[in-house]
Amino acid sequence: MSQTGAIWLVILAALVAANLPFLNHRVALVGPVASPRKGLLIRLVELVVLYFLVGGFAMLLERRAGQNAPQGWEFYAITGTLFLTLAFPGFVYRYLLRRHS
């Protein structure tokens, strides 16, 4: 796989993973169906876990392409903010557009 393909794969994985907690009623994506209302706190915890999973996937692809570059706290602050930005469509759908009965 080319480096460009790997970059787009990581971006697509981040987009899907960032929106999964808001589009799914299950705890940890495969667990039992949560109570009728899965709270925002549980969704945020899932979001953090998925951030680290996507980060691990990206590190794996980077290792396959060559040597991993050392990262400082700035890298994690920016990628965390980007992950939250990618989660915005799922948040809007869940809490602003969807009618609650």
PDB file of N, CA and C in Angstrom:
ATOM      1  N   MET A   1       0.850  -1.166   0.000  1.00  0.00           N
ATOM      2  CA  MET A   1       0.000   0.000   0.000  1.00  0.00           C
ATOM      3  C   MET A   1       0.900   1.234   0.000  1.00  0.00           C
ATOM      4  N   SER A   2       0.517   2.211  -0.800  1.00  0.00           N
ATOM      5  CA  SER A   2       1.301   3.440  -0.856  1.00  0.00           C
ATOM      6  C   SER A   2       1.055   4.283   0.397  1.00  0.00           C
ATOM      7  N   GLN A   3       1.923   5.253   0.620  1.00  0.00           N
ATOM      8  CA  GLN A   3       1.754   6.117   1.793  1.00  0.00           C
ATOM      9  C   GLN A   3       0.492   6.947   1.685  1.00  0.00           C
ATOM     10  N   THR A   4       0.143   7.387   0.492  1.00  0.00           N
ATOM     11  CA  THR A   4      -1.087   8.159   0.301  1.00  0.00           C
ATOM     12  C   THR A   4      -2.304   7.303   0.628  1.00  0.00           C
ATOM     13  N   GLY A   5      -2.292   6.071   0.187  1.00  0.00           N
ATOM     14  CA  GLY A   5      -3.393   5.165   0.504  1.00  0.00           C
ATOM     15  C   GLY A   5      -3.510   4.909   1.990  1.00  0.00           C
ATOM     16  N   ALA A   6      -2.365   4.770   2.670  1.00  0.00           N
ATOM     17  CA  ALA A   6      -2.375   4.543   4.118  1.00  0.00           C
ATOM     18  C   ALA A   6      -2.918   5.759   4.857  1.00  0.00           C
ATOM     19  N   ILE A   7      -2.576   6.948   4.391  1.00  0.00           N
ATOM     20  CA  ILE A   7      -3.077   8.169   5.027  1.00  0.00           C
ATOM     21  C   ILE A   7      -4.586   8.259   4.893  1.00  0.00           C
ATOM     22  N   TRP A   8      -5.092   8.005   3.686  1.00  0.00           N
ATOM     23  CA  TRP A   8      -6.550   8.063   3.492  1.00  0.00           C
ATOM     24  C   TRP A   8      -7.264   6.968   4.272  1.00  0.00           C
ATOM     25  N   LEU A   9      -6.630   5.823   4.415  1.00  0.00           N
ATOM     26  CA  LEU A   9      -7.223   4.743   5.201  1.00  0.00           C
ATOM     27  C   LEU A   9      -7.337   5.142   6.672  1.00  0.00           C
ATOM     28  N   VAL A  10      -6.327   5.799   7.207  1.00  0.00           N
ATOM     29  CA  VAL A  10      -6.363   6.250   8.602  1.00  0.00           C
ATOM     30  C   VAL A  10      -7.429   7.332   8.780  1.00  0.00           C
ATOM     31  N   ILE A  11      -7.534   8.251   7.821  1.00  0.00           N
ATOM     32  CA  ILE A  11      -8.551   9.304   7.915  1.00  0.00           C
ATOM     33  C   ILE A  11      -9.949   8.705   7.859  1.00  0.00           C
ATOM     34  N   LEU A  12     -10.172   7.754   6.969  1.00  0.00           N
ATOM     35  CA  LEU A  12     -11.478   7.093   6.880  1.00  0.00           C
ATOM     36  C   LEU A  12     -11.786   6.306   8.154  1.00  0.00           C
ATOM     37  N   ALA A  13     -10.784   5.597   8.692  1.00  0.00           N
ATOM     38  CA  ALA A  13     -10.987   4.854   9.943  1.00  0.00           C
ATOM     39  C   ALA A  13     -11.312   5.804  11.087  1.00  0.00           C
ATOM     40  N   ALA A  14     -10.650   6.957  11.132  1.00  0.00           N
ATOM     41  CA  ALA A  14     -10.920   7.935  12.186  1.00  0.00           C
ATOM     42  C   ALA A  14     -12.329   8.510  12.042  1.00  0.00           C
ATOM     43  N   LEU A  15     -12.763   8.780  10.829  1.00  0.00           N
ATOM     44  CA  LEU A  15     -14.113   9.311  10.609  1.00  0.00           C
ATOM     45  C   LEU A  15     -15.183   8.322  11.052  1.00  0.00           C
ATOM     46  N   VAL A  16     -15.006   7.078  10.683  1.00  0.00           N
ATOM     47  CA  VAL A  16     -15.985   6.056  11.076  1.00  0.00           C
ATOM     48  C   VAL A  16     -15.955   5.832  12.589  1.00  0.00           C
ATOM     49  N   ALA A  17     -14.762   5.699  13.162  1.00  0.00           N
ATOM     50  CA  ALA A  17     -14.640   5.429  14.598  1.00  0.00           C
ATOM     51  C   ALA A  17     -15.147   6.594  15.441  1.00  0.00           C
ATOM     52  N   ALA A  18     -14.953   7.816  14.981  1.00  0.00           N
ATOM     53  CA  ALA A  18     -15.390   8.974  15.753  1.00  0.00           C
ATOM     54  C   ALA A  18     -16.909   9.068  15.817  1.00  0.00           C
ATOM     55  N   ASN A  19     -17.595   8.549  14.822  1.00  0.00           N
ATOM     56  CA  ASN A  19     -19.054   8.642  14.794  1.00  0.00           C
ATOM     57  C   ASN A  19     -19.758   7.405  15.342  1.00  0.00           C
ATOM     58  N   LEU A  20     -19.054   6.303  15.490  1.00  0.00           N
ATOM     59  CA  LEU A  20     -19.681   5.070  15.983  1.00  0.00           C
ATOM     60  C   LEU A  20     -20.355   5.205  17.348  1.00  0.00           C
ATOM     61  N   PRO A  21     -19.750   5.851  18.340  1.00  0.00           N
ATOM     62  CA  PRO A  21     -20.437   5.923  19.639  1.00  0.00           C
ATOM     63  C   PRO A  21     -21.785   6.638  19.588  1.00  0.00           C
ATOM     64  N   PHE A  22     -21.963   7.538  18.631  1.00  0.00           N
ATOM     65  CA  PHE A  22     -23.202   8.297  18.542  1.00  0.00           C
ATOM     66  C   PHE A  22     -24.246   7.605  17.679  1.00  0.00           C
ATOM     67  N   LEU A  23     -23.850   6.644  16.888  1.00  0.00           N
ATOM     68  CA  LEU A  23     -24.781   5.954  16.003  1.00  0.00           C
ATOM     69  C   LEU A  23     -25.145   4.560  16.495  1.00  0.00           C
ATOM     70  N   ASN A  24     -24.621   4.157  17.637  1.00  0.00           N
ATOM     71  CA  ASN A  24     -24.774   2.799  18.134  1.00  0.00           C
ATOM     72  C   ASN A  24     -25.325   2.839  19.558  1.00  0.00           C
ATOM     73  N   HIS A  25     -26.250   1.948  19.868  1.00  0.00           N
ATOM     74  CA  HIS A  25     -26.831   1.877  21.216  1.00  0.00           C
ATOM     75  C   HIS A  25     -26.137   0.861  22.111  1.00  0.00           C
ATOM     76  N   ARG A  26     -25.174   0.138  21.578  1.00  0.00           N
ATOM     77  CA  ARG A  26     -24.482  -0.883  22.357  1.00  0.00           C
ATOM     78  C   ARG A  26     -23.292  -0.284  23.088  1.00  0.00           C
ATOM     79  N   VAL A  27     -22.987  -0.851  24.246  1.00  0.00           N
ATOM     80  CA  VAL A  27     -21.815  -0.421  25.001  1.00  0.00           C
ATOM     81  C   VAL A  27     -20.592  -1.074  24.378  1.00  0.00           C
ATOM     82  N   ALA A  28     -19.559  -0.303  24.118  1.00  0.00           N
ATOM     83  CA  ALA A  28     -18.312  -0.770  23.509  1.00  0.00           C
ATOM     84  C   ALA A  28     -18.549  -1.429  22.153  1.00  0.00           C
ATOM     85  N   LEU A  29     -19.559  -1.003  21.447  1.00  0.00           N
ATOM     86  CA  LEU A  29     -19.884  -1.410  20.083  1.00  0.00           C
ATOM     87  C   LEU A  29     -20.341  -2.850  19.920  1.00  0.00           C
ATOM     88  N   VAL A  30     -19.958  -3.744  20.802  1.00  0.00           N
ATOM     89  CA  VAL A  30     -20.347  -5.149  20.660  1.00  0.00           C
ATOM     90  C   VAL A  30     -21.019  -5.686  21.916  1.00  0.00           C
ATOM     91  N   GLY A  31     -21.030  -4.914  22.962  1.00  0.00           N
ATOM     92  CA  GLY A  31     -21.604  -5.358  24.228  1.00  0.00           C
ATOM     93  C   GLY A  31     -23.123  -5.383  24.180  1.00  0.00           C
ATOM     94  N   PRO A  32     -23.731  -5.587  25.321  1.00  0.00           N
ATOM     95  CA  PRO A  32     -25.195  -5.637  25.364  1.00  0.00           C
ATOM     96  C   PRO A  32     -25.787  -4.263  25.064  1.00  0.00           C
ATOM     97  N   VAL A  33     -27.032  -4.280  24.626  1.00  0.00           N
ATOM     98  CA  VAL A  33     -27.733  -3.024  24.360  1.00  0.00           C
ATOM     99  C   VAL A  33     -27.884  -2.289  25.678  1.00  0.00           C
ATOM    100  N   ALA A  34     -27.504  -1.040  25.669  1.00  0.00           N
ATOM    101  CA  ALA A  34     -27.575  -0.239  26.892  1.00  0.00           C
ATOM    102  C   ALA A  34     -29.032   0.047  27.231  1.00  0.00           C
ATOM    103  N   SER A  35     -29.232   0.625  28.379  1.00  0.00           N
ATOM    104  CA  SER A  35     -30.579   1.041  28.749  1.00  0.00           C
ATOM    105  C   SER A  35     -31.119   1.939  27.641  1.00  0.00           C
ATOM    106  N   PRO A  36     -32.405   2.268  27.673  1.00  0.00           N
ATOM    107  CA  PRO A  36     -32.973   3.046  26.570  1.00  0.00           C
ATOM    108  C   PRO A  36     -32.164   4.291  26.214  1.00  0.00           C
ATOM    109  N   ARG A  37     -31.455   4.820  27.165  1.00  0.00           N
ATOM    110  CA  ARG A  37     -30.658   6.017  26.891  1.00  0.00           C
ATOM    111  C   ARG A  37     -29.215   5.789  27.333  1.00  0.00           C
ATOM    112  N   LYS A  38     -28.355   5.602  26.374  1.00  0.00           N
ATOM    113  CA  LYS A  38     -26.929   5.501  26.675  1.00  0.00           C
ATOM    114  C   LYS A  38     -26.435   6.924  26.888  1.00  0.00           C
ATOM    115  N   GLY A  39     -25.856   7.180  28.042  1.00  0.00           N
ATOM    116  CA  GLY A  39     -25.490   8.537  28.407  1.00  0.00           C
ATOM    117  C   GLY A  39     -24.306   9.089  27.639  1.00  0.00           C
ATOM    118  N   LEU A  40     -24.177  10.406  27.696  1.00  0.00           N
ATOM    119  CA  LEU A  40     -23.084  11.089  27.018  1.00  0.00           C
ATOM    120  C   LEU A  40     -21.728  10.672  27.585  1.00  0.00           C
ATOM    121  N   LEU A  41     -21.650  10.417  28.873  1.00  0.00           N
ATOM    122  CA  LEU A  41     -20.384  10.017  29.488  1.00  0.00           C
ATOM    123  C   LEU A  41     -19.880   8.699  28.908  1.00  0.00           C
ATOM    124  N   ILE A  42     -20.767   7.741  28.752  1.00  0.00           N
ATOM    125  CA  ILE A  42     -20.377   6.449  28.165  1.00  0.00           C
ATOM    126  C   ILE A  42     -19.922   6.652  26.727  1.00  0.00           C
ATOM    127  N   ARG A  43     -20.613   7.502  25.984  1.00  0.00           N
ATOM    128  CA  ARG A  43     -20.224   7.777  24.601  1.00  0.00           C
ATOM    129  C   ARG A  43     -18.849   8.436  24.536  1.00  0.00           C
ATOM    130  N   LEU A  44     -18.552   9.335  25.468  1.00  0.00           N
ATOM    131  CA  LEU A  44     -17.247   9.995  25.476  1.00  0.00           C
ATOM    132  C   LEU A  44     -16.126   9.021  25.834  1.00  0.00           C
ATOM    133  N   VAL A  45     -16.396   8.105  26.759  1.00  0.00           N
ATOM    134  CA  VAL A  45     -15.397   7.084  27.094  1.00  0.00           C
ATOM    135  C   VAL A  45     -15.128   6.200  25.878  1.00  0.00           C
ATOM    136  N   GLU A  46     -16.187   5.811  25.173  1.00  0.00           N
ATOM    137  CA  GLU A  46     -16.012   5.025  23.950  1.00  0.00           C
ATOM    138  C   GLU A  46     -15.212   5.814  22.917  1.00  0.00           C
ATOM    139  N   LEU A  47     -15.454   7.111  22.836  1.00  0.00           N
ATOM    140  CA  LEU A  47     -14.738   7.959  21.894  1.00  0.00           C
ATOM    141  C   LEU A  47     -13.239   7.973  22.192  1.00  0.00           C
ATOM    142  N   VAL A  48     -12.878   8.062  23.465  1.00  0.00           N
ATOM    143  CA  VAL A  48     -11.462   8.054  23.852  1.00  0.00           C
ATOM    144  C   VAL A  48     -10.821   6.702  23.523  1.00  0.00           C
ATOM    145  N   VAL A  49     -11.524   5.620  23.815  1.00  0.00           N
ATOM    146  CA  VAL A  49     -10.988   4.282  23.516  1.00  0.00           C
ATOM    147  C   VAL A  49     -10.787   4.127  22.010  1.00  0.00           C
ATOM    148  N   LEU A  50     -11.754   4.573  21.222  1.00  0.00           N
ATOM    149  CA  LEU A  50     -11.624   4.462  19.770  1.00  0.00           C
ATOM    150  C   LEU A  50     -10.513   5.361  19.226  1.00  0.00           C
ATOM    151  N   TYR A  51     -10.280   6.498  19.868  1.00  0.00           N
ATOM    152  CA  TYR A  51      -9.161   7.362  19.479  1.00  0.00           C
ATOM    153  C   TYR A  51      -7.843   6.602  19.610  1.00  0.00           C
ATOM    154  N   PHE A  52      -7.670   5.915  20.719  1.00  0.00           N
ATOM    155  CA  PHE A  52      -6.428   5.164  20.919  1.00  0.00           C
ATOM    156  C   PHE A  52      -6.335   3.958  19.984  1.00  0.00           C
ATOM    157  N   LEU A  53      -7.452   3.323  19.664  1.00  0.00           N
ATOM    158  CA  LEU A  53      -7.425   2.210  18.712  1.00  0.00           C
ATOM    159  C   LEU A  53      -7.028   2.679  17.320  1.00  0.00           C
ATOM    160  N   VAL A  54      -7.596   3.790  16.878  1.00  0.00           N
ATOM    161  CA  VAL A  54      -7.225   4.335  15.566  1.00  0.00           C
ATOM    162  C   VAL A  54      -5.768   4.784  15.578  1.00  0.00           C
ATOM    163  N   GLY A  55      -5.326   5.361  16.681  1.00  0.00           N
ATOM    164  CA  GLY A  55      -3.919   5.749  16.800  1.00  0.00           C
ATOM    165  C   GLY A  55      -2.990   4.558  16.714  1.00  0.00           C
ATOM    166  N   GLY A  56      -3.366   3.458  17.351  1.00  0.00           N
ATOM    167  CA  GLY A  56      -2.568   2.236  17.250  1.00  0.00           C
ATOM    168  C   GLY A  56      -2.539   1.694  15.834  1.00  0.00           C
ATOM    169  N   PHE A  57      -3.669   1.758  15.153  1.00  0.00           N
ATOM    170  CA  PHE A  57      -3.741   1.334  13.755  1.00  0.00           C
ATOM    171  C   PHE A  57      -2.833   2.206  12.890  1.00  0.00           C
ATOM    172  N   ALA A  58      -2.840   3.516  13.135  1.00  0.00           N
ATOM    173  CA  ALA A  58      -1.983   4.433  12.376  1.00  0.00           C
ATOM    174  C   ALA A  58      -0.505   4.152  12.654  1.00  0.00           C
ATOM    175  N   MET A  59      -0.177   3.859  13.906  1.00  0.00           N
ATOM    176  CA  MET A  59       1.220   3.536  14.233  1.00  0.00           C
ATOM    177  C   MET A  59       1.650   2.239  13.556  1.00  0.00           C
ATOM    178  N   LEU A  60       0.744   1.280  13.467  1.00  0.00           N
ATOM    179  CA  LEU A  60       1.050   0.027  12.783  1.00  0.00           C
ATOM    180  C   LEU A  60       1.343   0.270  11.304  1.00  0.00           C
ATOM    181  N   LEU A  61       0.522   1.097  10.658  1.00  0.00           N
ATOM    182  CA  LEU A  61       0.766   1.416   9.254  1.00  0.00           C
ATOM    183  C   LEU A  61       2.071   2.191   9.077  1.00  0.00           C
ATOM    184  N   GLU A  62       2.366   3.084  10.016  1.00  0.00           N
ATOM    185  CA  GLU A  62       3.612   3.844   9.945  1.00  0.00           C
ATOM    186  C   GLU A  62       4.821   2.927  10.123  1.00  0.00           C
ATOM    187  N   ARG A  63       4.717   1.965  11.013  1.00  0.00           N
ATOM    188  CA  ARG A  63       5.809   1.026  11.233  1.00  0.00           C
ATOM    189  C   ARG A  63       6.044   0.176   9.983  1.00  0.00           C
ATOM    190  N   ARG A  64       4.963  -0.188   9.289  1.00  0.00           N
ATOM    191  CA  ARG A  64       5.109  -0.959   8.061  1.00  0.00           C
ATOM    192  C   ARG A  64       5.796  -0.154   6.964  1.00  0.00           C
ATOM    193  N   ALA A  65       5.595   1.177   6.977  1.00  0.00           N
ATOM    194  CA  ALA A  65       6.196   2.035   5.953  1.00  0.00           C
ATOM    195  C   ALA A  65       7.644   2.387   6.270  1.00  0.00           C
ATOM    196  N   GLY A  66       8.030   2.254   7.501  1.00  0.00           N
ATOM    197  CA  GLY A  66       9.386   2.614   7.905  1.00  0.00           C
ATOM    198  C   GLY A  66       9.452   2.738   9.411  1.00  0.00           C
ATOM    199  N   GLN A  67      10.258   3.658   9.878  1.00  0.00           N
ATOM    200  CA  GLN A  67      10.436   3.849  11.316  1.00  0.00           C
ATOM    201  C   GLN A  67       9.400   4.840  11.856  1.00  0.00           C
ATOM    202  N   ASN A  68       8.870   4.558  13.047  1.00  0.00           N
ATOM    203  CA  ASN A  68       7.926   5.479  13.683  1.00  0.00           C
ATOM    204  C   ASN A  68       8.654   6.747  14.103  1.00  0.00           C
ATOM    205  N   ALA A  69       8.024   7.880  13.827  1.00  0.00           N
ATOM    206  CA  ALA A  69       8.597   9.161  14.229  1.00  0.00           C
ATOM    207  C   ALA A  69       8.195   9.448  15.672  1.00  0.00           C
ATOM    208  N   PRO A  70       9.117   9.968  16.490  1.00  0.00           N
ATOM    209  CA  PRO A  70       8.745  10.318  17.870  1.00  0.00           C
ATOM    210  C   PRO A  70       7.775  11.493  17.871  1.00  0.00           C
ATOM    211  N   GLN A  71       6.787  11.438  18.774  1.00  0.00           N
ATOM    212  CA  GLN A  71       5.750  12.470  18.842  1.00  0.00           C
ATOM    213  C   GLN A  71       5.741  13.082  20.229  1.00  0.00           C
ATOM    214  N   GLY A  72       5.514  14.377  20.275  1.00  0.00           N
ATOM    215  CA  GLY A  72       5.373  15.088  21.539  1.00  0.00           C
ATOM    216  C   GLY A  72       3.912  15.283  21.889  1.00  0.00           C
ATOM    217  N   TRP A  73       3.662  16.008  22.962  1.00  0.00           N
ATOM    218  CA  TRP A  73       2.294  16.209  23.424  1.00  0.00           C
ATOM    219  C   TRP A  73       1.476  17.008  22.410  1.00  0.00           C
ATOM    220  N   GLU A  74       2.153  17.846  21.615  1.00  0.00           N
ATOM    221  CA  GLU A  74       1.449  18.656  20.632  1.00  0.00           C
ATOM    222  C   GLU A  74       0.735  17.786  19.592  1.00  0.00           C
ATOM    223  N   PHE A  75       1.394  16.716  19.188  1.00  0.00           N
ATOM    224  CA  PHE A  75       0.812  15.804  18.215  1.00  0.00           C
ATOM    225  C   PHE A  75      -0.492  15.208  18.750  1.00  0.00           C
ATOM    226  N   TYR A  76      -0.474  14.768  20.002  1.00  0.00           N
ATOM    227  CA  TYR A  76      -1.661  14.142  20.581  1.00  0.00           C
ATOM    228  C   TYR A  76      -2.774  15.162  20.826  1.00  0.00           C
ATOM    229  N   ALA A  77      -2.409  16.394  21.149  1.00  0.00           N
ATOM    230  CA  ALA A  77      -3.418  17.442  21.323  1.00  0.00           C
ATOM    231  C   ALA A  77      -4.110  17.741  19.993  1.00  0.00           C
ATOM    232  N   ILE A  78      -3.353  17.827  18.925  1.00  0.00           N
ATOM    233  CA  ILE A  78      -3.924  18.130  17.613  1.00  0.00           C
ATOM    234  C   ILE A  78      -4.754  16.960  17.097  1.00  0.00           C
ATOM    235  N   THR A  79      -4.240  15.731  17.210  1.00  0.00           N
ATOM    236  CA  THR A  79      -5.005  14.591  16.703  1.00  0.00           C
ATOM    237  C   THR A  79      -6.261  14.347  17.535  1.00  0.00           C
ATOM    238  N   GLY A  80      -6.204  14.602  18.835  1.00  0.00           N
ATOM    239  CA  GLY A  80      -7.409  14.490  19.664  1.00  0.00           C
ATOM    240  C   GLY A  80      -8.460  15.505  19.264  1.00  0.00           C
ATOM    241  N   THR A  81      -8.021  16.729  19.002  1.00  0.00           N
ATOM    242  CA  THR A  81      -8.954  17.762  18.551  1.00  0.00           C
ATOM    243  C   THR A  81      -9.539  17.416  17.188  1.00  0.00           C
ATOM    244  N   LEU A  82      -8.712  16.889  16.284  1.00  0.00           N
ATOM    245  CA  LEU A  82      -9.204  16.464  14.980  1.00  0.00           C
ATOM    246  C   LEU A  82     -10.219  15.336  15.127  1.00  0.00           C
ATOM    247  N   PHE A  83      -9.961  14.395  16.029  1.00  0.00           N
ATOM    248  CA  PHE A  83     -10.887  13.283  16.248  1.00  0.00           C
ATOM    249  C   PHE A  83     -12.228  13.795  16.765  1.00  0.00           C
ATOM    250  N   LEU A  84     -12.193  14.770  17.674  1.00  0.00           N
ATOM    251  CA  LEU A  84     -13.442  15.363  18.163  1.00  0.00           C
ATOM    252  C   LEU A  84     -14.175  16.100  17.050  1.00  0.00           C
ATOM    253  N   THR A  85     -13.439  16.758  16.172  1.00  0.00           N
ATOM    254  CA  THR A  85     -14.063  17.446  15.048  1.00  0.00           C
ATOM    255  C   THR A  85     -14.717  16.446  14.106  1.00  0.00           C
ATOM    256  N   LEU A  86     -14.073  15.316  13.878  1.00  0.00           N
ATOM    257  CA  LEU A  86     -14.661  14.288  13.024  1.00  0.00           C
ATOM    258  C   LEU A  86     -15.906  13.671  13.658  1.00  0.00           C
ATOM    259  N   ALA A  87     -16.023  13.734  14.983  1.00  0.00           N
ATOM    260  CA  ALA A  87     -17.189  13.179  15.677  1.00  0.00           C
ATOM    261  C   ALA A  87     -18.388  14.124  15.650  1.00  0.00           C
ATOM    262  N   PHE A  88     -18.203  15.342  15.172  1.00  0.00           N
ATOM    263  CA  PHE A  88     -19.274  16.329  15.205  1.00  0.00           C
ATOM    264  C   PHE A  88     -20.536  15.899  14.453  1.00  0.00           C
ATOM    265  N   PRO A  89     -20.456  15.308  13.252  1.00  0.00           N
ATOM    266  CA  PRO A  89     -21.695  14.892  12.578  1.00  0.00           C
ATOM    267  C   PRO A  89     -22.523  13.883  13.390  1.00  0.00           C
ATOM    268  N   GLY A  90     -21.865  12.923  14.025  1.00  0.00           N
ATOM    269  CA  GLY A  90     -22.595  11.953  14.843  1.00  0.00           C
ATOM    270  C   GLY A  90     -23.226  12.601  16.062  1.00  0.00           C
ATOM    271  N   PHE A  91     -22.523  13.543  16.681  1.00  0.00           N
ATOM    272  CA  PHE A  91     -23.062  14.266  17.834  1.00  0.00           C
ATOM    273  C   PHE A  91     -24.291  15.078  17.427  1.00  0.00           C
ATOM    274  N   VAL A  92     -24.205  15.774  16.307  1.00  0.00           N
ATOM    275  CA  VAL A  92     -25.335  16.581  15.832  1.00  0.00           C
ATOM    276  C   VAL A  92     -26.524  15.692  15.544  1.00  0.00           C
ATOM    277  N   TYR A  93     -26.292  14.565  14.890  1.00  0.00           N
ATOM    278  CA  TYR A  93     -27.396  13.659  14.597  1.00  0.00           C
ATOM    279  C   TYR A  93     -28.043  13.144  15.877  1.00  0.00           C
ATOM    280  N   ARG A  94     -27.234  12.719  16.839  1.00  0.00           N
ATOM    281  CA  ARG A  94     -27.758  12.109  18.066  1.00  0.00           C
ATOM    282  C   ARG A  94     -28.483  13.112  18.951  1.00  0.00           C
ATOM    283  N   TYR A  95     -27.920  14.286  19.132  1.00  0.00           N
ATOM    284  CA  TYR A  95     -28.445  15.196  20.145  1.00  0.00           C
ATOM    285  C   TYR A  95     -29.181  16.411  19.598  1.00  0.00           C
ATOM    286  N   LEU A  96     -29.030  16.744  18.328  1.00  0.00           N
ATOM    287  CA  LEU A  96     -29.679  17.937  17.812  1.00  0.00           C
ATOM    288  C   LEU A  96     -30.734  17.646  16.748  1.00  0.00           C
ATOM    289  N   LEU A  97     -30.518  16.672  15.882  1.00  0.00           N
ATOM    290  CA  LEU A  97     -31.449  16.423  14.803  1.00  0.00           C
ATOM    291  C   LEU A  97     -32.479  15.337  15.093  1.00  0.00           C
ATOM    292  N   ARG A  98     -32.085  14.321  15.812  1.00  0.00           N
ATOM    293  CA  ARG A  98     -32.968  13.189  16.065  1.00  0.00           C
ATOM    294  C   ARG A  98     -34.050  13.554  17.053  1.00  0.00           C
ATOM    295  N   ARG A  99     -35.262  13.239  16.709  1.00  0.00           N
ATOM    296  CA  ARG A  99     -36.384  13.513  17.618  1.00  0.00           C
ATOM    297  C   ARG A  99     -36.414  12.477  18.730  1.00  0.00           C
ATOM    298  N   HIS A 100     -36.472  12.954  19.963  1.00  0.00           N
ATOM    299  CA  HIS A 100     -36.545  12.049  21.113  1.00  0.00           C
ATOM    300  C   HIS A 100     -37.994  11.917  21.533  1.00  0.00           C
ATOM    301  N   SER A 101     -38.383  10.678  21.772  1.00  0.00           N
ATOM    302  CA  SER A 101     -39.786  10.457  22.190  1.00  0.00           C
ATOM    303  C   SER A 101     -39.896  10.340  23.692  1.00  0.00           C
TER     304      SER A 101
END
